Amino acid sequence: MNLGQETRKEHSVKIRRLVLDVDKAVSRPSLVELAAAIERVEGVQGLNITVTEIDIETVGMDVTVEGDGIDYPGLCKAIEATGAVVHSVDELAAGNRLVDWVKRRR
């Protein structure tokens, strides 16, 4: 194993949930086309696409993906291949089990 492989292995994360801020054009891709592309990504076991805003040219969405060892680079490539764009990762859960976000009490 070379140094590059060791570094990737040391920094690999078993991603179980991602919430992404994604935009697409109003006309294409359809939500079904986007879902089909995401569903084909290695490690994806389920997904939810929620439209959060619509304007004249674009549709903003929250895309939630759950699975076991989700291929994040592959997920981004699949989304972008449809013509949509990933703006940010708004939530990430990793490890051997899912840990839900808990609002802090003050």
Foldseek 3Di string as FASTA:
>chain_A
DDPVVVVCVVPQFWWFKWKFWKKAWPPDDDPVQLLVLQCPFPFFDDKDWDFDDDDDTMTIIIIMTGGTRTPVVSNQVSNVVRVMHTDDTPDIATDPDGDDDDDDDD
